Protein backbone atom coordinates (compact mmCIF):
# COMPACT_ATOMS: atom_id res chain seq x y z
CA UNK A 1 21.47 24.07 -26.45
CA UNK A 2 18.24 22.10 -26.04
CA UNK A 3 16.88 20.28 -29.01
CA UNK A 4 13.73 22.33 -29.62
CA UNK A 5 12.60 20.07 -32.45
CA UNK A 6 12.71 17.11 -30.07
CA UNK A 7 10.68 19.01 -27.48
CA UNK A 8 8.08 20.03 -30.08
CA UNK A 9 7.81 16.47 -31.36
CA UNK A 10 7.44 15.15 -27.80
CA UNK A 11 4.71 17.68 -27.13
CA UNK A 12 2.93 16.80 -30.37
CA UNK A 13 3.19 13.09 -29.70
CA UNK A 14 1.87 13.51 -26.18
CA UNK A 15 -1.30 15.12 -27.46
CA UNK A 16 -1.93 12.16 -29.80
CA UNK A 17 -1.18 9.27 -27.45
CA UNK A 18 -3.47 7.76 -24.84
CA UNK A 19 -0.77 7.87 -22.16
CA UNK A 20 -0.53 11.65 -21.94
CA UNK A 21 0.69 11.45 -18.33
CA UNK A 22 3.62 9.25 -19.41
CA UNK A 23 4.66 11.80 -22.02
CA UNK A 24 4.36 14.62 -19.51
CA UNK A 25 6.62 12.72 -17.12
CA UNK A 26 9.17 12.25 -19.88
CA UNK A 27 8.98 15.92 -20.91
CA UNK A 28 9.19 17.15 -17.31
CA UNK A 29 12.31 15.09 -16.73
CA UNK A 30 13.87 16.24 -19.99
CA UNK A 31 13.25 19.91 -19.20
CA UNK A 32 14.64 19.55 -15.69
CA UNK A 33 17.80 17.89 -16.97
CA UNK A 34 18.25 20.79 -19.38
CA UNK A 35 17.98 23.25 -16.48
CA UNK A 36 14.67 24.62 -17.68
CA UNK A 37 13.20 24.37 -14.20
CA UNK A 38 10.23 26.73 -14.54
CA UNK A 39 9.01 24.84 -17.60
CA UNK A 40 9.65 21.50 -15.90
CA UNK A 41 7.63 22.57 -12.86
CA UNK A 42 4.68 23.54 -15.05
CA UNK A 43 4.78 20.18 -16.84
CA UNK A 44 4.94 18.25 -13.55
CA UNK A 45 2.02 20.31 -12.19
CA UNK A 46 0.02 19.38 -15.29
CA UNK A 47 1.01 15.72 -14.76
CA UNK A 48 -0.35 15.87 -11.22
CA UNK A 49 -3.57 17.65 -12.25
CA UNK A 50 -4.36 14.90 -14.78
CA UNK A 51 -4.58 12.43 -11.92
CA UNK A 52 -4.17 9.54 -14.33
CA UNK A 53 -0.45 9.01 -13.91
CA UNK A 54 1.55 8.37 -10.82
CA UNK A 55 1.01 11.63 -8.97
CA UNK A 56 3.49 10.59 -6.29
CA UNK A 57 6.18 10.73 -9.00
CA UNK A 58 5.03 14.21 -9.94
CA UNK A 59 5.29 15.42 -6.36
CA UNK A 60 8.71 13.82 -5.95
CA UNK A 61 10.03 15.54 -9.07
CA UNK A 62 8.60 18.90 -8.04
CA UNK A 63 10.29 18.40 -4.67
CA UNK A 64 13.60 17.68 -6.37
CA UNK A 65 13.32 20.80 -8.51
CA UNK A 66 12.45 22.99 -5.53
CA UNK A 67 15.36 21.49 -3.61
CA UNK A 68 17.66 22.44 -6.49
CA UNK A 69 16.28 25.98 -6.20
CA UNK A 70 16.93 25.86 -2.43
CA UNK A 71 13.22 26.31 -1.70
CA UNK A 72 13.31 23.68 1.00
CA UNK A 73 9.92 24.22 2.63
CA UNK A 74 8.09 23.94 -0.72
CA UNK A 75 10.20 20.91 -1.62
CA UNK A 76 9.34 19.32 1.73
CA UNK A 77 5.60 19.77 1.11
CA UNK A 78 5.93 17.89 -2.18
CA UNK A 79 7.98 15.12 -0.59
CA UNK A 80 5.31 14.76 2.10
CA UNK A 81 2.56 14.60 -0.52
CA UNK A 82 4.43 11.85 -2.38
CA UNK A 83 4.79 9.88 0.86
CA UNK A 84 1.09 10.38 1.67
CA UNK A 85 0.22 8.84 -1.69
CA UNK A 86 2.71 5.98 -1.31
CA UNK A 87 3.99 5.47 2.24
CA UNK A 88 6.67 3.07 0.94
CA UNK A 89 8.15 5.50 -1.62
CA UNK A 90 11.84 5.26 -0.73
CA UNK A 91 12.97 8.12 -2.98
CA UNK A 92 10.43 10.48 -1.41
CA UNK A 93 11.49 9.42 2.09
CA UNK A 94 15.13 10.05 1.20
CA UNK A 95 14.24 13.47 -0.20
CA UNK A 96 12.34 14.30 2.99
CA UNK A 97 15.28 13.25 5.15
CA UNK A 98 17.71 15.26 3.02
CA UNK A 99 15.48 18.33 3.22
CA UNK A 100 15.00 18.06 6.97
CA UNK A 101 18.77 17.79 7.32
CA UNK A 102 19.31 20.83 5.08
CA UNK A 103 16.78 22.76 7.15
CA UNK A 104 18.46 21.71 10.39
CA UNK A 105 15.41 19.74 11.55
CA UNK A 106 16.76 16.19 11.48
């Protein structure tokens, strides 16, 4: 059972802190770990739209969530976006390789 009080407090704190993108990243990760993937995706999308945080991290995490949902082509698009932002992003390159392998395109 997720700690709803914790989630509410995190959300409240994020609206009062200057590093809103950092709080969104934390919340997106927390939701994903709890299996609340639709909510996590929305938070990561918001993180990316802000453009103030590390959007490559947002794309990587969306890719990981879509991979967990076996939506490989969508996951691959997010991995590619993360790599386009940071060509040296090892985690995004690994995700891309894993997805290509899963899709039989390696």
